[in-house]
């Protein structure tokens, strides 16, 4: 009988040692996202049809790598929630070989994950994320905004400057491999991206070729990023 109890105890310890660390507590993760297929549309919207000279065009999101961090804690054995950051230091678009540099962008987001065990040490992860996406203008976009300011000083319009804010969200599957207090991550994330690149406002007059325009003109990019996220998590 004692031998049977001892064998059961050893079996329990072995199962516990080999099980994923998903329910232990707070997890801090670091991420490196490698860009894949990413594209979108550039659209010009105007309050008056006479102010628009282009209907828009399709572009490729040619941004570089993205750096990220997560802070996640369990709410059940199979579910985690928390906060995440994704920072892209080189945000740019490409059109027929011509590159438009936009600056950099930062996504501050809430994260929810569902974990389903595939083996004692491997979890399938379903991830959803949503938050505030900020574009910090620089490069070609920053220089273009400076030119808009000079143009508006002569034509009587105003330019919206500073960071651009929008709603960003994404989702995708992944794998999590538990190794004691460290876990390895690989996720394929589809991320929706939207930035207001340019906003001009004219007041007074009425639009015609002989008077100053009235109304607004905005240039917006809306697209997606499909990225492979590779990372490591440290559990408490």
Foldseek 3Di string as FASTA:
>chain_A
DVVVVVVVVVVVVVLVQLAAPQQVWKKKKKKKKAFDFKKWKKAKDWPDPVVDDDGTDIKGWPFGMKIKMWIWTDPDSFKIKGKMKIKGQWTWIDDPRDIATFGIKMWIWIKMWGWDDPDRFKTKIKIKIKGKMKGFGDGNLVVVQVVVVVVCVVQVKDWDDGIWIDMKIKIWMKMWGHDPQKIKIKTWIKIKDKTWSIKMAHDDDDDDPVHRHGTMMTIMIIIITTIIMIMMMGHD
